[in-house]
Amino acid sequence: MNDGNKTAGGGPFEAGSAPATAAPKPKATAKADAAALPRLLLWKKDVASMLGIGGRTLERMISAGEIPSPDRRLRGRPAWLAATIREWVENGCPGAFRNIP
């Protein structure tokens, strides 16, 4: 039963028969959304990385009072507001590295 009006394959999704649409966007995930937001809290590893020092050096600086005290403790872990560390760095890290000869 070939009536001659159909093309080979002849389905509704044949090239040229349906309007072109963009590929569906992937669903946003919580991780992707979080990556787009600015970090508000910094953990020890984040602060050490920003300062270019190791974690143990940062711990010594905390003990010596050379760095601002953590703004929060979450589950026993010290955390700083990003603004606290940013202001401290912009002010020239007062009190930091004072034990270096």
Foldseek 3Di string as FASTA:
>chain_A
DDPPPADVVRDCPPPPNDDDDDDDDDDDDPVNVVVVDDDFKDFLVRLCVVVVHDSVVSVVCQVVVQADFAPDADPNTGIHTPVRSVVCVVVPSPSPPPVPD
